[in-house]
Amino acid sequence: MNAVFRSKIDGGFIWIPLAMPAVTLLALFTAPHGSRLPWIPVGMLFFATVLVCWTFAATYYELSVDQLVARCGPFSWRVPLDRVTAIHESNSVRSGPALSLDRLEIVHDGGKVLLISPADRAGFIAAAQRRIAALRPAAAEPRPNR
């Protein structure tokens, strides 16, 4: 069964998808009548607004049996869980599919890093560790001396 974790959204970021449609409408209604020129920047701002709103509405992390899928609007990242070497707490400002600076750093494939920000960090870490442990073979137990 797949576990889905929504992204935490910082309060400072939430105004972005709210303000962009307002700016688009303001630009449209304050443009001189009969001029075609405002439609170019308004159209570009409209598409940027759609992309930003899509990103905010569809940023989540899905843990399946064998992989982590991070989705952020039209973009997605796939990390096989058997290649994950560490999960650390982070507040890095580097780019990643995270809508909060309260992040987790997923280290995989010999040092590659994926930054995510699940709202339920503890639940995500617990679910990931259970799945990773199930994928890795148990260490060979030492034989008793006879």
Protein backbone atom coordinates (compact mmCIF):
# COMPACT_ATOMS: atom_id res chain seq x y z
CA MET A 1 0.00 0.00 0.00
CA ASN A 2 1.30 3.43 -0.91
CA ALA A 3 1.59 6.16 1.70
CA VAL A 4 1.03 9.74 0.54
CA PHE A 5 2.36 12.75 2.43
CA ARG A 6 1.37 16.31 1.52
CA SER A 7 4.02 19.02 1.53
CA LYS A 8 4.16 21.45 4.41
CA ILE A 9 3.68 25.03 3.17
CA ASP A 10 5.44 27.88 4.94
CA GLY A 11 3.27 30.89 5.74
CA GLY A 12 5.59 33.18 3.78
CA PHE A 13 5.08 31.13 0.62
CA ILE A 14 1.29 30.92 0.75
CA TRP A 15 0.78 34.48 -0.48
CA ILE A 16 2.44 33.71 -3.84
CA PRO A 17 -0.40 31.67 -5.42
CA LEU A 18 -2.91 34.09 -3.91
CA ALA A 19 -1.22 37.25 -5.20
CA MET A 20 -0.40 36.10 -8.74
CA PRO A 21 -4.01 35.94 -10.03
CA ALA A 22 -4.66 39.34 -8.45
CA VAL A 23 -1.64 40.84 -10.23
CA THR A 24 -2.78 39.30 -13.52
CA LEU A 25 -6.26 40.80 -13.18
CA LEU A 26 -4.85 44.16 -12.11
CA ALA A 27 -2.56 44.24 -15.17
CA LEU A 28 -5.46 43.33 -17.43
CA PHE A 29 -7.89 45.93 -16.08
CA THR A 30 -5.40 48.79 -15.85
CA ALA A 31 -4.12 48.37 -19.42
CA PRO A 32 -5.14 51.04 -21.94
CA HIS A 33 -8.23 50.07 -23.92
CA GLY A 34 -7.64 48.94 -27.48
CA SER A 35 -3.97 48.11 -26.97
CA ARG A 36 -2.77 44.59 -27.83
CA LEU A 37 0.61 44.97 -26.17
CA PRO A 38 -0.59 44.22 -22.59
CA TRP A 39 -1.88 40.81 -23.67
CA ILE A 40 1.64 39.47 -24.10
CA PRO A 41 2.81 40.06 -20.51
CA VAL A 42 -0.66 39.27 -19.15
CA GLY A 43 -0.63 35.97 -21.05
CA MET A 44 2.84 35.15 -19.73
CA LEU A 45 1.77 36.05 -16.20
CA PHE A 46 -1.35 33.90 -16.62
CA PHE A 47 0.72 30.84 -17.57
CA ALA A 48 3.15 31.51 -14.71
CA THR A 49 0.16 31.75 -12.35
CA VAL A 50 -1.20 28.42 -13.57
CA LEU A 51 2.22 26.79 -13.07
CA VAL A 52 2.64 28.20 -9.55
CA CYS A 53 -0.89 27.27 -8.50
CA TRP A 54 -0.43 23.76 -9.93
CA THR A 55 2.81 23.44 -7.97
CA PHE A 56 1.15 24.48 -4.71
CA ALA A 57 -1.88 22.25 -5.27
CA ALA A 58 0.08 19.16 -6.33
CA THR A 59 3.23 18.89 -4.20
CA TYR A 60 3.29 15.60 -2.33
CA TYR A 61 5.46 12.58 -1.64
CA GLU A 62 4.39 9.01 -2.29
CA LEU A 63 6.12 6.06 -0.70
CA SER A 64 5.46 2.78 -2.47
CA VAL A 65 6.94 -0.57 -1.55
CA ASP A 66 10.21 0.12 -3.36
CA GLN A 67 10.45 3.81 -4.28
CA LEU A 68 9.83 7.40 -3.24
CA VAL A 69 8.05 9.55 -5.79
CA ALA A 70 8.18 13.30 -5.14
CA ARG A 71 5.70 15.28 -7.21
CA CYS A 72 5.76 19.04 -7.53
CA GLY A 73 3.22 20.27 -10.07
CA PRO A 74 4.29 19.03 -13.50
CA PHE A 75 7.63 17.73 -12.21
CA SER A 76 8.45 14.45 -10.49
CA TRP A 77 11.47 12.70 -8.98
CA ARG A 78 11.80 8.96 -8.39
CA VAL A 79 14.24 7.51 -5.87
CA PRO A 80 14.51 3.73 -5.40
CA LEU A 81 14.36 3.11 -1.66
CA ASP A 82 17.13 0.51 -1.79
CA ARG A 83 19.48 3.32 -2.88
CA VAL A 84 18.63 5.65 0.01
CA THR A 85 21.60 5.89 2.37
CA ALA A 86 20.35 8.51 4.83
CA ILE A 87 17.45 10.77 5.80
CA HIS A 88 18.42 13.97 7.64
CA GLU A 89 16.52 16.99 8.90
CA SER A 90 17.51 20.11 6.97
CA ASN A 91 16.64 23.75 6.51
CA SER A 92 18.67 24.16 3.33
CA VAL A 93 17.55 26.80 0.84
CA ARG A 94 18.63 24.70 -2.15
CA SER A 95 16.03 23.90 -4.76
CA GLY A 96 13.83 20.87 -4.38
CA PRO A 97 10.20 19.76 -4.41
CA ALA A 98 9.51 21.41 -1.05
CA LEU A 99 7.18 24.27 -0.14
CA SER A 100 8.72 24.80 3.28
CA LEU A 101 12.20 25.40 4.64
CA ASP A 102 11.46 22.77 7.30
CA ARG A 103 12.87 19.97 5.14
CA LEU A 104 14.16 16.44 5.01
CA GLU A 105 17.27 15.64 3.02
CA ILE A 106 17.07 12.27 1.27
CA VAL A 107 20.61 11.11 0.44
CA HIS A 108 20.76 8.46 -2.29
CA ASP A 109 22.91 7.03 -5.07
CA GLY A 110 26.30 7.86 -3.59
CA GLY A 111 25.64 11.40 -2.40
CA LYS A 112 22.79 12.77 -4.51
CA VAL A 113 20.32 14.77 -2.41
CA LEU A 114 16.57 15.29 -2.73
CA LEU A 115 15.02 17.93 -0.46
CA ILE A 116 11.39 17.41 0.55
CA SER A 117 9.10 18.93 3.18
CA PRO A 118 6.38 16.52 4.31
CA ALA A 119 3.89 18.06 6.73
CA ASP A 120 4.05 14.86 8.82
CA ARG A 121 7.83 14.50 9.11
CA ALA A 122 7.79 11.84 11.81
CA GLY A 123 5.23 9.76 9.92
CA PHE A 124 7.20 10.05 6.70
CA ILE A 125 10.49 9.04 8.36
CA ALA A 126 8.86 6.06 10.09
CA ALA A 127 7.18 4.86 6.87
CA ALA A 128 10.38 5.30 4.85
CA GLN A 129 12.52 3.45 7.38
CA ARG A 130 10.05 0.52 7.50
CA ARG A 131 10.11 0.22 3.71
CA ILE A 132 13.90 0.59 3.46
CA ALA A 133 14.44 -2.05 6.17
CA ALA A 134 12.10 -4.44 4.33
CA LEU A 135 14.10 -4.02 1.11
CA ARG A 136 17.54 -4.61 2.60
CA PRO A 137 18.52 -8.18 3.46
CA ALA A 138 19.14 -8.79 7.12
CA ALA A 139 22.81 -8.90 8.08
CA ALA A 140 24.15 -12.40 8.47
CA GLU A 141 24.05 -13.44 12.09
CA PRO A 142 27.32 -14.75 13.53
CA ARG A 143 27.41 -18.48 14.09
CA PRO A 144 27.83 -19.62 17.67
CA ASN A 145 31.21 -21.16 18.46
CA ARG A 146 31.14 -24.90 19.02
